[in-house]
PDB file of N, CA and C in Angstrom:
ATOM      1  N   UNK A   1       5.116  -9.878  -4.512  1.00  0.00           N
ATOM      2  CA  UNK A   1       4.596  -8.680  -5.149  1.00  0.00           C
ATOM      3  C   UNK A   1       5.544  -8.281  -6.278  1.00  0.00           C
ATOM      4  N   UNK A   2       4.949  -7.767  -7.335  1.00  0.00           N
ATOM      5  CA  UNK A   2       5.757  -7.305  -8.460  1.00  0.00           C
ATOM      6  C   UNK A   2       5.199  -5.975  -8.958  1.00  0.00           C
ATOM      7  N   UNK A   3       5.983  -5.259  -9.716  1.00  0.00           N
ATOM      8  CA  UNK A   3       5.571  -3.954 -10.235  1.00  0.00           C
ATOM      9  C   UNK A   3       4.269  -4.077 -11.004  1.00  0.00           C
ATOM     10  N   UNK A   4       3.348  -3.155 -10.753  1.00  0.00           N
ATOM     11  CA  UNK A   4       2.063  -3.156 -11.425  1.00  0.00           C
ATOM     12  C   UNK A   4       0.941  -3.751 -10.582  1.00  0.00           C
ATOM     13  N   UNK A   5       1.287  -4.436  -9.502  1.00  0.00           N
ATOM     14  CA  UNK A   5       0.262  -5.013  -8.621  1.00  0.00           C
ATOM     15  C   UNK A   5      -0.466  -3.912  -7.857  1.00  0.00           C
ATOM     16  N   UNK A   6      -1.728  -4.139  -7.605  1.00  0.00           N
ATOM     17  CA  UNK A   6      -2.483  -3.240  -6.733  1.00  0.00           C
ATOM     18  C   UNK A   6      -2.235  -3.706  -5.308  1.00  0.00           C
ATOM     19  N   UNK A   7      -1.844  -2.771  -4.452  1.00  0.00           N
ATOM     20  CA  UNK A   7      -1.488  -3.104  -3.078  1.00  0.00           C
ATOM     21  C   UNK A   7      -2.286  -2.258  -2.096  1.00  0.00           C
ATOM     22  N   UNK A   8      -2.437  -2.787  -0.898  1.00  0.00           N
ATOM     23  CA  UNK A   8      -2.998  -1.989   0.185  1.00  0.00           C
ATOM     24  C   UNK A   8      -1.873  -1.774   1.185  1.00  0.00           C
ATOM     25  N   UNK A   9      -1.886  -0.633   1.847  1.00  0.00           N
ATOM     26  CA  UNK A   9      -0.775  -0.298   2.725  1.00  0.00           C
ATOM     27  C   UNK A   9      -1.221   0.731   3.755  1.00  0.00           C
ATOM     28  N   UNK A  10      -0.378   0.916   4.739  1.00  0.00           N
ATOM     29  CA  UNK A  10      -0.540   2.039   5.646  1.00  0.00           C
ATOM     30  C   UNK A  10       0.784   2.772   5.701  1.00  0.00           C
ATOM     31  N   UNK A  11       0.729   4.006   6.107  1.00  0.00           N
ATOM     32  CA  UNK A  11       1.924   4.831   6.167  1.00  0.00           C
ATOM     33  C   UNK A  11       2.376   4.945   7.619  1.00  0.00           C
ATOM     34  N   UNK A  12       3.602   5.406   7.804  1.00  0.00           N
ATOM     35  CA  UNK A  12       4.178   5.499   9.141  1.00  0.00           C
ATOM     36  C   UNK A  12       3.280   6.318  10.068  1.00  0.00           C
ATOM     37  N   UNK A  13       2.693   7.400   9.568  1.00  0.00           N
ATOM     38  CA  UNK A  13       1.850   8.254  10.424  1.00  0.00           C
ATOM     39  C   UNK A  13       0.525   7.591  10.802  1.00  0.00           C
ATOM     40  N   UNK A  14       0.161   6.499  10.130  1.00  0.00           N
ATOM     41  CA  UNK A  14      -1.072   5.778  10.451  1.00  0.00           C
ATOM     42  C   UNK A  14      -0.916   4.838  11.639  1.00  0.00           C
ATOM     43  N   UNK A  15       0.316   4.557  12.035  1.00  0.00           N
ATOM     44  CA  UNK A  15       0.553   3.584  13.106  1.00  0.00           C
ATOM     45  C   UNK A  15      -0.093   4.028  14.409  1.00  0.00           C
ATOM     46  N   UNK A  16      -0.833   3.104  15.007  1.00  0.00           N
ATOM     47  CA  UNK A  16      -1.464   3.355  16.299  1.00  0.00           C
ATOM     48  C   UNK A  16      -0.508   2.937  17.410  1.00  0.00           C
ATOM     49  N   UNK A  17       0.072   1.746  17.263  1.00  0.00           N
ATOM     50  CA  UNK A  17       0.996   1.206  18.245  1.00  0.00           C
ATOM     51  C   UNK A  17       2.312   0.903  17.524  1.00  0.00           C
ATOM     52  N   UNK A  18       3.357   1.636  17.832  1.00  0.00           N
ATOM     53  CA  UNK A  18       4.639   1.480  17.149  1.00  0.00           C
ATOM     54  C   UNK A  18       5.228   0.093  17.398  1.00  0.00           C
ATOM     55  N   UNK A  19       4.908  -0.515  18.526  1.00  0.00           N
ATOM     56  CA  UNK A  19       5.449  -1.834  18.854  1.00  0.00           C
ATOM     57  C   UNK A  19       4.735  -2.971  18.117  1.00  0.00           C
ATOM     58  N   UNK A  20       3.561  -2.704  17.536  1.00  0.00           N
ATOM     59  CA  UNK A  20       2.791  -3.742  16.846  1.00  0.00           C
ATOM     60  C   UNK A  20       2.314  -3.210  15.498  1.00  0.00           C
ATOM     61  N   UNK A  21       3.154  -3.365  14.455  1.00  0.00           N
ATOM     62  CA  UNK A  21       2.835  -2.835  13.129  1.00  0.00           C
ATOM     63  C   UNK A  21       1.651  -3.541  12.495  1.00  0.00           C
ATOM     64  N   UNK A  22       1.466  -4.815  12.813  1.00  0.00           N
ATOM     65  CA  UNK A  22       0.457  -5.615  12.129  1.00  0.00           C
ATOM     66  C   UNK A  22      -0.965  -5.322  12.592  1.00  0.00           C
ATOM     67  N   UNK A  23      -1.116  -4.644  13.727  1.00  0.00           N
ATOM     68  CA  UNK A  23      -2.465  -4.329  14.207  1.00  0.00           C
ATOM     69  C   UNK A  23      -3.070  -3.128  13.488  1.00  0.00           C
ATOM     70  N   UNK A  24      -2.258  -2.320  12.839  1.00  0.00           N
ATOM     71  CA  UNK A  24      -2.753  -1.151  12.115  1.00  0.00           C
ATOM     72  C   UNK A  24      -3.398  -1.592  10.802  1.00  0.00           C
ATOM     73  N   UNK A  25      -4.651  -1.205  10.565  1.00  0.00           N
ATOM     74  CA  UNK A  25      -5.312  -1.610   9.312  1.00  0.00           C
ATOM     75  C   UNK A  25      -4.677  -0.929   8.097  1.00  0.00           C
ATOM     76  N   UNK A  26      -4.585  -1.669   7.020  1.00  0.00           N
ATOM     77  CA  UNK A  26      -4.023  -1.144   5.764  1.00  0.00           C
ATOM     78  C   UNK A  26      -5.194  -0.685   4.908  1.00  0.00           C
ATOM     79  N   UNK A  27      -5.510   0.593   4.979  1.00  0.00           N
ATOM     80  CA  UNK A  27      -6.705   1.109   4.321  1.00  0.00           C
ATOM     81  C   UNK A  27      -6.425   1.887   3.044  1.00  0.00           C
ATOM     82  N   UNK A  28      -5.182   2.155   2.741  1.00  0.00           N
ATOM     83  CA  UNK A  28      -4.850   2.897   1.519  1.00  0.00           C
ATOM     84  C   UNK A  28      -4.592   1.913   0.384  1.00  0.00           C
ATOM     85  N   UNK A  29      -4.986   2.292  -0.828  1.00  0.00           N
ATOM     86  CA  UNK A  29      -4.822   1.442  -2.013  1.00  0.00           C
ATOM     87  C   UNK A  29      -3.970   2.201  -3.027  1.00  0.00           C
ATOM     88  N   UNK A  30      -2.982   1.514  -3.597  1.00  0.00           N
ATOM     89  CA  UNK A  30      -2.117   2.131  -4.591  1.00  0.00           C
ATOM     90  C   UNK A  30      -1.588   1.088  -5.561  1.00  0.00           C
ATOM     91  N   UNK A  31      -0.709   1.526  -6.461  1.00  0.00           N
ATOM     92  CA  UNK A  31      -0.099   0.641  -7.455  1.00  0.00           C
ATOM     93  C   UNK A  31       1.387   0.539  -7.141  1.00  0.00           C
ATOM     94  N   UNK A  32       1.865  -0.693  -7.031  1.00  0.00           N
ATOM     95  CA  UNK A  32       3.266  -0.928  -6.719  1.00  0.00           C
ATOM     96  C   UNK A  32       4.133  -0.562  -7.917  1.00  0.00           C
ATOM     97  N   UNK A  33       5.083   0.317  -7.713  1.00  0.00           N
ATOM     98  CA  UNK A  33       6.019   0.720  -8.761  1.00  0.00           C
ATOM     99  C   UNK A  33       7.281  -0.125  -8.690  1.00  0.00           C
ATOM    100  N   UNK A  34       7.829  -0.288  -7.483  1.00  0.00           N
ATOM    101  CA  UNK A  34       9.051  -1.063  -7.314  1.00  0.00           C
ATOM    102  C   UNK A  34       9.073  -1.707  -5.932  1.00  0.00           C
ATOM    103  N   UNK A  35       9.502  -2.968  -5.886  1.00  0.00           N
ATOM    104  CA  UNK A  35       9.674  -3.688  -4.627  1.00  0.00           C
ATOM    105  C   UNK A  35      11.148  -4.025  -4.504  1.00  0.00           C
ATOM    106  N   UNK A  36      11.852  -3.313  -3.630  1.00  0.00           N
ATOM    107  CA  UNK A  36      13.278  -3.530  -3.434  1.00  0.00           C
ATOM    108  C   UNK A  36      13.459  -4.478  -2.249  1.00  0.00           C
ATOM    109  N   UNK A  37      13.695  -5.737  -2.535  1.00  0.00           N
ATOM    110  CA  UNK A  37      13.810  -6.748  -1.492  1.00  0.00           C
ATOM    111  C   UNK A  37      15.055  -6.543  -0.635  1.00  0.00           C
ATOM    112  N   UNK A  38      16.129  -6.103  -1.234  1.00  0.00           N
ATOM    113  CA  UNK A  38      17.373  -5.908  -0.495  1.00  0.00           C
ATOM    114  C   UNK A  38      17.229  -4.807   0.550  1.00  0.00           C
ATOM    115  N   UNK A  39      16.629  -3.686   0.172  1.00  0.00           N
ATOM    116  CA  UNK A  39      16.460  -2.558   1.090  1.00  0.00           C
ATOM    117  C   UNK A  39      15.198  -2.682   1.944  1.00  0.00           C
ATOM    118  N   UNK A  40      14.280  -3.561   1.560  1.00  0.00           N
ATOM    119  CA  UNK A  40      13.046  -3.734   2.321  1.00  0.00           C
ATOM    120  C   UNK A  40      12.087  -2.568   2.157  1.00  0.00           C
ATOM    121  N   UNK A  41      12.064  -1.989   0.939  1.00  0.00           N
ATOM    122  CA  UNK A  41      11.186  -0.854   0.676  1.00  0.00           C
ATOM    123  C   UNK A  41      10.297  -1.125  -0.536  1.00  0.00           C
ATOM    124  N   UNK A  42       9.220  -0.388  -0.589  1.00  0.00           N
ATOM    125  CA  UNK A  42       8.302  -0.472  -1.725  1.00  0.00           C
ATOM    126  C   UNK A  42       7.956   0.946  -2.161  1.00  0.00           C
ATOM    127  N   UNK A  43       7.992   1.188  -3.458  1.00  0.00           N
ATOM    128  CA  UNK A  43       7.562   2.471  -4.009  1.00  0.00           C
ATOM    129  C   UNK A  43       6.166   2.275  -4.567  1.00  0.00           C
ATOM    130  N   UNK A  44       5.242   3.150  -4.132  1.00  0.00           N
ATOM    131  CA  UNK A  44       3.829   3.001  -4.453  1.00  0.00           C
ATOM    132  C   UNK A  44       3.307   4.298  -5.057  1.00  0.00           C
ATOM    133  N   UNK A  45       2.552   4.170  -6.154  1.00  0.00           N
ATOM    134  CA  UNK A  45       1.862   5.311  -6.734  1.00  0.00           C
ATOM    135  C   UNK A  45       0.541   5.460  -5.991  1.00  0.00           C
ATOM    136  N   UNK A  46       0.386   6.598  -5.294  1.00  0.00           N
ATOM    137  CA  UNK A  46      -0.813   6.840  -4.485  1.00  0.00           C
ATOM    138  C   UNK A  46      -1.236   8.283  -4.673  1.00  0.00           C
ATOM    139  N   UNK A  47      -2.420   8.480  -5.233  1.00  0.00           N
ATOM    140  CA  UNK A  47      -2.987   9.813  -5.485  1.00  0.00           C
ATOM    141  C   UNK A  47      -2.021  10.714  -6.254  1.00  0.00           C
ATOM    142  N   UNK A  48      -1.398  10.150  -7.283  1.00  0.00           N
ATOM    143  CA  UNK A  48      -0.533  10.926  -8.160  1.00  0.00           C
ATOM    144  C   UNK A  48       0.870  11.157  -7.633  1.00  0.00           C
ATOM    145  N   UNK A  49       1.207  10.633  -6.477  1.00  0.00           N
ATOM    146  CA  UNK A  49       2.541  10.789  -5.906  1.00  0.00           C
ATOM    147  C   UNK A  49       3.164   9.420  -5.699  1.00  0.00           C
ATOM    148  N   UNK A  50       4.492   9.356  -5.778  1.00  0.00           N
ATOM    149  CA  UNK A  50       5.194   8.115  -5.490  1.00  0.00           C
ATOM    150  C   UNK A  50       5.656   8.167  -4.039  1.00  0.00           C
ATOM    151  N   UNK A  51       5.205   7.163  -3.279  1.00  0.00           N
ATOM    152  CA  UNK A  51       5.496   7.096  -1.854  1.00  0.00           C
ATOM    153  C   UNK A  51       6.409   5.903  -1.610  1.00  0.00           C
ATOM    154  N   UNK A  52       7.403   6.085  -0.759  1.00  0.00           N
ATOM    155  CA  UNK A  52       8.315   4.996  -0.412  1.00  0.00           C
ATOM    156  C   UNK A  52       8.006   4.566   1.017  1.00  0.00           C
ATOM    157  N   UNK A  53       7.648   3.295   1.187  1.00  0.00           N
ATOM    158  CA  UNK A  53       7.297   2.759   2.506  1.00  0.00           C
ATOM    159  C   UNK A  53       8.036   1.448   2.763  1.00  0.00           C
ATOM    160  N   UNK A  54       8.063   1.041   4.010  1.00  0.00           N
ATOM    161  CA  UNK A  54       8.646  -0.243   4.381  1.00  0.00           C
ATOM    162  C   UNK A  54       7.779  -1.364   3.817  1.00  0.00           C
ATOM    163  N   UNK A  55       8.395  -2.464   3.440  1.00  0.00           N
ATOM    164  CA  UNK A  55       7.663  -3.597   2.873  1.00  0.00           C
ATOM    165  C   UNK A  55       6.695  -4.188   3.903  1.00  0.00           C
ATOM    166  N   UNK A  56       7.016  -4.081   5.179  1.00  0.00           N
ATOM    167  CA  UNK A  56       6.144  -4.617   6.226  1.00  0.00           C
ATOM    168  C   UNK A  56       4.795  -3.906   6.262  1.00  0.00           C
ATOM    169  N   UNK A  57       4.722  -2.707   5.711  1.00  0.00           N
ATOM    170  CA  UNK A  57       3.484  -1.927   5.708  1.00  0.00           C
ATOM    171  C   UNK A  57       2.630  -2.200   4.479  1.00  0.00           C
ATOM    172  N   UNK A  58       3.118  -3.035   3.550  1.00  0.00           N
ATOM    173  CA  UNK A  58       2.475  -3.219   2.249  1.00  0.00           C
ATOM    174  C   UNK A  58       2.097  -4.688   2.051  1.00  0.00           C
ATOM    175  N   UNK A  59       0.912  -4.917   1.449  1.00  0.00           N
ATOM    176  CA  UNK A  59       0.534  -6.270   1.048  1.00  0.00           C
ATOM    177  C   UNK A  59      -0.302  -6.193  -0.218  1.00  0.00           C
ATOM    178  N   UNK A  60      -0.259  -7.271  -0.977  1.00  0.00           N
ATOM    179  CA  UNK A  60      -1.001  -7.324  -2.236  1.00  0.00           C
ATOM    180  C   UNK A  60      -2.497  -7.268  -1.955  1.00  0.00           C
ATOM    181  N   UNK A  61      -3.194  -6.447  -2.703  1.00  0.00           N
ATOM    182  CA  UNK A  61      -4.637  -6.292  -2.517  1.00  0.00           C
ATOM    183  C   UNK A  61      -5.376  -7.439  -3.191  1.00  0.00           C
ATOM    184  N   UNK A  62      -6.585  -7.707  -2.709  1.00  0.00           N
ATOM    185  CA  UNK A  62      -7.406  -8.778  -3.250  1.00  0.00           C
ATOM    186  C   UNK A  62      -8.663  -8.253  -3.913  1.00  0.00           C
ATOM    187  N   UNK A  63      -9.611  -9.145  -4.167  1.00  0.00           N
ATOM    188  CA  UNK A  63     -10.848  -8.781  -4.858  1.00  0.00           C
ATOM    189  C   UNK A  63     -11.688  -7.787  -4.062  1.00  0.00           C
ATOM    190  N   UNK A  64     -11.754  -7.954  -2.748  1.00  0.00           N
ATOM    191  CA  UNK A  64     -12.553  -7.043  -1.928  1.00  0.00           C
ATOM    192  C   UNK A  64     -12.000  -5.619  -1.994  1.00  0.00           C
ATOM    193  N   UNK A  65     -10.677  -5.497  -2.054  1.00  0.00           N
ATOM    194  CA  UNK A  65     -10.067  -4.171  -2.163  1.00  0.00           C
ATOM    195  C   UNK A  65     -10.382  -3.534  -3.510  1.00  0.00           C
ATOM    196  N   UNK A  66     -10.379  -4.327  -4.580  1.00  0.00           N
ATOM    197  CA  UNK A  66     -10.694  -3.804  -5.909  1.00  0.00           C
ATOM    198  C   UNK A  66     -12.128  -3.296  -5.958  1.00  0.00           C
ATOM    199  N   UNK A  67     -13.036  -4.004  -5.317  1.00  0.00           N
ATOM    200  CA  UNK A  67     -14.436  -3.572  -5.282  1.00  0.00           C
ATOM    201  C   UNK A  67     -14.564  -2.267  -4.489  1.00  0.00           C
ATOM    202  N   UNK A  68     -13.787  -2.147  -3.411  1.00  0.00           N
ATOM    203  CA  UNK A  68     -13.815  -0.931  -2.605  1.00  0.00           C
ATOM    204  C   UNK A  68     -13.303   0.273  -3.403  1.00  0.00           C
ATOM    205  N   UNK A  69     -12.276   0.050  -4.232  1.00  0.00           N
ATOM    206  CA  UNK A  69     -11.719   1.126  -5.054  1.00  0.00           C
ATOM    207  C   UNK A  69     -12.729   1.563  -6.113  1.00  0.00           C
ATOM    208  N   UNK A  70     -13.418   0.618  -6.729  1.00  0.00           N
ATOM    209  CA  UNK A  70     -14.413   0.956  -7.754  1.00  0.00           C
ATOM    210  C   UNK A  70     -15.514   1.842  -7.172  1.00  0.00           C
ATOM    211  N   UNK A  71     -15.922   1.561  -5.972  1.00  0.00           N
ATOM    212  CA  UNK A  71     -16.988   2.342  -5.340  1.00  0.00           C
ATOM    213  C   UNK A  71     -16.518   3.741  -4.957  1.00  0.00           C
ATOM    214  N   UNK A  72     -15.268   3.847  -4.492  1.00  0.00           N
ATOM    215  CA  UNK A  72     -14.794   5.133  -3.986  1.00  0.00           C
ATOM    216  C   UNK A  72     -14.006   5.933  -5.003  1.00  0.00           C
ATOM    217  N   UNK A  73     -13.639   5.303  -6.135  1.00  0.00           N
ATOM    218  CA  UNK A  73     -12.812   5.967  -7.159  1.00  0.00           C
ATOM    219  C   UNK A  73     -11.543   6.514  -6.545  1.00  0.00           C
ATOM    220  N   UNK A  74     -10.879   5.705  -5.683  1.00  0.00           N
ATOM    221  CA  UNK A  74      -9.681   6.131  -5.004  1.00  0.00           C
ATOM    222  C   UNK A  74      -8.477   6.252  -5.939  1.00  0.00           C
ATOM    223  N   UNK A  75      -8.365   5.312  -6.891  1.00  0.00           N
ATOM    224  CA  UNK A  75      -7.249   5.357  -7.834  1.00  0.00           C
ATOM    225  C   UNK A  75      -7.556   6.320  -8.970  1.00  0.00           C
ATOM    226  N   UNK A  76      -6.555   7.044  -9.458  1.00  0.00           N
ATOM    227  CA  UNK A  76      -6.783   7.937 -10.596  1.00  0.00           C
ATOM    228  C   UNK A  76      -7.059   7.149 -11.852  1.00  0.00           C
ATOM    229  N   UNK A  77      -7.905   7.691 -12.758  1.00  0.00           N
ATOM    230  CA  UNK A  77      -8.232   7.016 -14.023  1.00  0.00           C
ATOM    231  C   UNK A  77      -7.172   7.235 -15.041  1.00  0.00           C
TER     232      UNK A  77
END
């Protein structure tokens, strides 16, 4: 992942099972601002705010996510 990529992620409060991070669906879409590999964090622009989350909670979005954003207008214009 690099700055400017569209990513899908979940936040700490979205976790259903703390012992299994990967089972929680990543339903939020944002724009990656910074990926700090050393610290294991990602800064994401989401609804006009910059959010800092663990890299394990973030993955690069694909075509299906882009189509979902177009329909819902989730990202700011």
